Amino acid sequence: MDFGAGFTIVVQDVVIDPMLEEFVSFVRHRPLYVVALAPGSEAVAAREAAV
C-alpha cells in the first residue's frame, strides 16, 4: 500500500466509542497516531450559534 512507499496516510472520519477501537484494529502499520477532537457542549453550542 502507499504506506510502504513512504507516504503518510491520513484518515478523517467521525468514529467514536467502541467503533474507534475496531477501526484502529484494522490499521496494521505502525506507528499509528489517533487524534480525537471532543469539544465540550459549550464549545459546540458556540460553534453552532456562529453559523
PDB file of N, CA and C in Angstrom:
ATOM      1  N   MET A   1       0.835  -1.178   0.000  1.00  0.00           N
ATOM      2  CA  MET A   1       0.000   0.000   0.000  1.00  0.00           C
ATOM      3  C   MET A   1       0.880   1.243   0.000  1.00  0.00           C
ATOM      4  N   ASP A   2       0.301   2.406  -0.009  1.00  0.00           N
ATOM      5  CA  ASP A   2       1.041   3.664  -0.065  1.00  0.00           C
ATOM      6  C   ASP A   2       1.985   3.835   1.114  1.00  0.00           C
ATOM      7  N   PHE A   3       1.613   3.325   2.284  1.00  0.00           N
ATOM      8  CA  PHE A   3       2.447   3.454   3.470  1.00  0.00           C
ATOM      9  C   PHE A   3       3.822   2.855   3.225  1.00  0.00           C
ATOM     10  N   GLY A   4       3.853   1.703   2.592  1.00  0.00           N
ATOM     11  CA  GLY A   4       5.113   1.032   2.309  1.00  0.00           C
ATOM     12  C   GLY A   4       5.995   1.807   1.356  1.00  0.00           C
ATOM     13  N   ALA A   5       5.411   2.708   0.579  1.00  0.00           N
ATOM     14  CA  ALA A   5       6.165   3.525  -0.371  1.00  0.00           C
ATOM     15  C   ALA A   5       6.658   4.813   0.284  1.00  0.00           C
ATOM     16  N   GLY A   6       6.416   4.982   1.579  1.00  0.00           N
ATOM     17  CA  GLY A   6       6.919   6.146   2.291  1.00  0.00           C
ATOM     18  C   GLY A   6       5.937   7.292   2.441  1.00  0.00           C
ATOM     19  N   PHE A   7       4.684   7.084   2.045  1.00  0.00           N
ATOM     20  CA  PHE A   7       3.683   8.133   2.180  1.00  0.00           C
ATOM     21  C   PHE A   7       3.106   8.151   3.597  1.00  0.00           C
ATOM     22  N   THR A   8       2.688   9.304   4.054  1.00  0.00           N
ATOM     23  CA  THR A   8       1.967   9.427   5.313  1.00  0.00           C
ATOM     24  C   THR A   8       0.479   9.403   4.992  1.00  0.00           C
ATOM     25  N   ILE A   9      -0.232   8.508   5.614  1.00  0.00           N
ATOM     26  CA  ILE A   9      -1.652   8.330   5.351  1.00  0.00           C
ATOM     27  C   ILE A   9      -2.452   9.033   6.444  1.00  0.00           C
ATOM     28  N   VAL A  10      -3.457   9.799   6.041  1.00  0.00           N
ATOM     29  CA  VAL A  10      -4.337  10.488   6.981  1.00  0.00           C
ATOM     30  C   VAL A  10      -5.765  10.073   6.671  1.00  0.00           C
ATOM     31  N   VAL A  11      -6.487   9.676   7.704  1.00  0.00           N
ATOM     32  CA  VAL A  11      -7.896   9.316   7.560  1.00  0.00           C
ATOM     33  C   VAL A  11      -8.679  10.245   8.464  1.00  0.00           C
ATOM     34  N   GLN A  12      -9.687  10.878   7.904  1.00  0.00           N
ATOM     35  CA  GLN A  12     -10.545  11.757   8.698  1.00  0.00           C
ATOM     36  C   GLN A  12     -11.955  11.213   8.635  1.00  0.00           C
ATOM     37  N   ASP A  13     -12.538  10.985   9.803  1.00  0.00           N
ATOM     38  CA  ASP A  13     -13.887  10.446   9.851  1.00  0.00           C
ATOM     39  C   ASP A  13     -14.461  10.707  11.238  1.00  0.00           C
ATOM     40  N   VAL A  14     -15.720  10.426  11.393  1.00  0.00           N
ATOM     41  CA  VAL A  14     -16.353  10.508  12.700  1.00  0.00           C
ATOM     42  C   VAL A  14     -16.532   9.075  13.179  1.00  0.00           C
ATOM     43  N   VAL A  15     -15.629   8.669  14.063  1.00  0.00           N
ATOM     44  CA  VAL A  15     -15.665   7.315  14.612  1.00  0.00           C
ATOM     45  C   VAL A  15     -15.457   7.465  16.117  1.00  0.00           C
ATOM     46  N   ILE A  16     -16.406   6.995  16.904  1.00  0.00           N
ATOM     47  CA  ILE A  16     -16.308   7.163  18.350  1.00  0.00           C
ATOM     48  C   ILE A  16     -16.600   5.857  19.080  1.00  0.00           C
ATOM     49  N   ASP A  17     -16.259   5.880  20.346  1.00  0.00           N
ATOM     50  CA  ASP A  17     -16.538   4.797  21.280  1.00  0.00           C
ATOM     51  C   ASP A  17     -16.023   3.452  20.779  1.00  0.00           C
ATOM     52  N   PRO A  18     -16.779   2.356  20.928  1.00  0.00           N
ATOM     53  CA  PRO A  18     -16.257   1.034  20.551  1.00  0.00           C
ATOM     54  C   PRO A  18     -15.863   0.939  19.077  1.00  0.00           C
ATOM     55  N   MET A  19     -16.539   1.705  18.230  1.00  0.00           N
ATOM     56  CA  MET A  19     -16.191   1.657  16.800  1.00  0.00           C
ATOM     57  C   MET A  19     -14.771   2.159  16.553  1.00  0.00           C
ATOM     58  N   LEU A  20     -14.286   3.093  17.393  1.00  0.00           N
ATOM     59  CA  LEU A  20     -12.927   3.600  17.226  1.00  0.00           C
ATOM     60  C   LEU A  20     -11.915   2.488  17.453  1.00  0.00           C
ATOM     61  N   GLU A  21     -12.100   1.689  18.489  1.00  0.00           N
ATOM     62  CA  GLU A  21     -11.195   0.571  18.755  1.00  0.00           C
ATOM     63  C   GLU A  21     -11.184  -0.406  17.581  1.00  0.00           C
ATOM     64  N   GLU A  22     -12.336  -0.705  17.046  1.00  0.00           N
ATOM     65  CA  GLU A  22     -12.413  -1.616  15.899  1.00  0.00           C
ATOM     66  C   GLU A  22     -11.728  -1.010  14.683  1.00  0.00           C
ATOM     67  N   PHE A  23     -11.983   0.254  14.426  1.00  0.00           N
ATOM     68  CA  PHE A  23     -11.381   0.946  13.294  1.00  0.00           C
ATOM     69  C   PHE A  23      -9.859   0.909  13.392  1.00  0.00           C
ATOM     70  N   VAL A  24      -9.330   1.214  14.583  1.00  0.00           N
ATOM     71  CA  VAL A  24      -7.881   1.217  14.799  1.00  0.00           C
ATOM     72  C   VAL A  24      -7.305  -0.187  14.602  1.00  0.00           C
ATOM     73  N   SER A  25      -8.054  -1.214  14.967  1.00  0.00           N
ATOM     74  CA  SER A  25      -7.552  -2.589  14.817  1.00  0.00           C
ATOM     75  C   SER A  25      -7.340  -2.978  13.360  1.00  0.00           C
ATOM     76  N   PHE A  26      -7.996  -2.285  12.432  1.00  0.00           N
ATOM     77  CA  PHE A  26      -7.838  -2.580  11.010  1.00  0.00           C
ATOM     78  C   PHE A  26      -6.524  -2.043  10.449  1.00  0.00           C
ATOM     79  N   VAL A  27      -5.925  -1.080  11.133  1.00  0.00           N
ATOM     80  CA  VAL A  27      -4.682  -0.460  10.657  1.00  0.00           C
ATOM     81  C   VAL A  27      -3.519  -1.285  11.190  1.00  0.00           C
ATOM     82  N   ARG A  28      -2.780  -1.902  10.292  1.00  0.00           N
ATOM     83  CA  ARG A  28      -1.713  -2.820  10.693  1.00  0.00           C
ATOM     84  C   ARG A  28      -0.346  -2.150  10.803  1.00  0.00           C
ATOM     85  N   HIS A  29      -0.142  -1.051  10.114  1.00  0.00           N
ATOM     86  CA  HIS A  29       1.167  -0.416  10.102  1.00  0.00           C
ATOM     87  C   HIS A  29       1.330   0.485  11.320  1.00  0.00           C
ATOM     88  N   ARG A  30       2.534   0.543  11.810  1.00  0.00           N
ATOM     89  CA  ARG A  30       2.861   1.387  12.949  1.00  0.00           C
ATOM     90  C   ARG A  30       4.059   2.241  12.591  1.00  0.00           C
ATOM     91  N   PRO A  31       4.213   3.427  13.124  1.00  0.00           N
ATOM     92  CA  PRO A  31       3.419   3.963  14.223  1.00  0.00           C
ATOM     93  C   PRO A  31       2.039   4.395  13.758  1.00  0.00           C
ATOM     94  N   LEU A  32       1.108   4.369  14.674  1.00  0.00           N
ATOM     95  CA  LEU A  32      -0.257   4.807  14.423  1.00  0.00           C
ATOM     96  C   LEU A  32      -0.598   5.856  15.465  1.00  0.00           C
ATOM     97  N   TYR A  33      -1.046   7.007  15.014  1.00  0.00           N
ATOM     98  CA  TYR A  33      -1.438   8.087  15.914  1.00  0.00           C
ATOM     99  C   TYR A  33      -2.922   8.353  15.725  1.00  0.00           C
ATOM    100  N   VAL A  34      -3.641   8.441  16.817  1.00  0.00           N
ATOM    101  CA  VAL A  34      -5.067   8.750  16.783  1.00  0.00           C
ATOM    102  C   VAL A  34      -5.259  10.087  17.488  1.00  0.00           C
ATOM    103  N   VAL A  35      -5.886  11.011  16.805  1.00  0.00           N
ATOM    104  CA  VAL A  35      -6.198  12.313  17.387  1.00  0.00           C
ATOM    105  C   VAL A  35      -7.709  12.428  17.451  1.00  0.00           C
ATOM    106  N   ALA A  36      -8.231  12.623  18.631  1.00  0.00           N
ATOM    107  CA  ALA A  36      -9.676  12.740  18.806  1.00  0.00           C
ATOM    108  C   ALA A  36     -10.001  14.145  19.299  1.00  0.00           C
ATOM    109  N   LEU A  37     -10.830  14.843  18.550  1.00  0.00           N
ATOM    110  CA  LEU A  37     -11.292  16.163  18.949  1.00  0.00           C
ATOM    111  C   LEU A  37     -12.658  15.998  19.593  1.00  0.00           C
ATOM    112  N   ALA A  38     -12.750  16.333  20.859  1.00  0.00           N
ATOM    113  CA  ALA A  38     -14.004  16.148  21.587  1.00  0.00           C
ATOM    114  C   ALA A  38     -14.331  17.421  22.355  1.00  0.00           C
ATOM    115  N   PRO A  39     -14.879  18.424  21.666  1.00  0.00           N
ATOM    116  CA  PRO A  39     -15.193  19.682  22.341  1.00  0.00           C
ATOM    117  C   PRO A  39     -16.332  19.502  23.344  1.00  0.00           C
ATOM    118  N   GLY A  40     -16.320  20.342  24.350  1.00  0.00           N
ATOM    119  CA  GLY A  40     -17.401  20.325  25.337  1.00  0.00           C
ATOM    120  C   GLY A  40     -18.680  20.899  24.745  1.00  0.00           C
ATOM    121  N   SER A  41     -19.766  20.731  25.476  1.00  0.00           N
ATOM    122  CA  SER A  41     -21.067  21.181  24.969  1.00  0.00           C
ATOM    123  C   SER A  41     -21.114  22.691  24.773  1.00  0.00           C
ATOM    124  N   GLU A  42     -20.422  23.454  25.621  1.00  0.00           N
ATOM    125  CA  GLU A  42     -20.398  24.911  25.456  1.00  0.00           C
ATOM    126  C   GLU A  42     -19.697  25.310  24.167  1.00  0.00           C
ATOM    127  N   ALA A  43     -18.590  24.637  23.846  1.00  0.00           N
ATOM    128  CA  ALA A  43     -17.863  24.941  22.614  1.00  0.00           C
ATOM    129  C   ALA A  43     -18.707  24.589  21.387  1.00  0.00           C
ATOM    130  N   VAL A  44     -19.425  23.477  21.456  1.00  0.00           N
ATOM    131  CA  VAL A  44     -20.294  23.085  20.337  1.00  0.00           C
ATOM    132  C   VAL A  44     -21.425  24.095  20.160  1.00  0.00           C
ATOM    133  N   ALA A  45     -22.031  24.511  21.254  1.00  0.00           N
ATOM    134  CA  ALA A  45     -23.114  25.491  21.187  1.00  0.00           C
ATOM    135  C   ALA A  45     -22.619  26.806  20.592  1.00  0.00           C
ATOM    136  N   ALA A  46     -21.426  27.248  20.978  1.00  0.00           N
ATOM    137  CA  ALA A  46     -20.868  28.486  20.440  1.00  0.00           C
ATOM    138  C   ALA A  46     -20.594  28.350  18.941  1.00  0.00           C
ATOM    139  N   ARG A  47     -20.064  27.206  18.554  1.00  0.00           N
ATOM    140  CA  ARG A  47     -19.788  26.970  17.133  1.00  0.00           C
ATOM    141  C   ARG A  47     -21.071  26.973  16.340  1.00  0.00           C
ATOM    142  N   GLU A  48     -22.090  26.300  16.816  1.00  0.00           N
ATOM    143  CA  GLU A  48     -23.368  26.217  16.101  1.00  0.00           C
ATOM    144  C   GLU A  48     -24.063  27.573  16.045  1.00  0.00           C
ATOM    145  N   ALA A  49     -23.907  28.381  17.085  1.00  0.00           N
ATOM    146  CA  ALA A  49     -24.542  29.701  17.108  1.00  0.00           C
ATOM    147  C   ALA A  49     -23.885  30.646  16.115  1.00  0.00           C
ATOM    148  N   ALA A  50     -22.639  30.398  15.779  1.00  0.00           N
ATOM    149  CA  ALA A  50     -21.896  31.270  14.868  1.00  0.00           C
ATOM    150  C   ALA A  50     -22.253  31.008  13.404  1.00  0.00           C
ATOM    151  N   VAL A  51     -22.958  29.940  13.135  1.00  0.00           N
ATOM    152  CA  VAL A  51     -23.280  29.576  11.744  1.00  0.00           C
ATOM    153  C   VAL A  51     -24.423  30.388  11.210  1.00  0.00           C
TER     154      VAL A  51
END
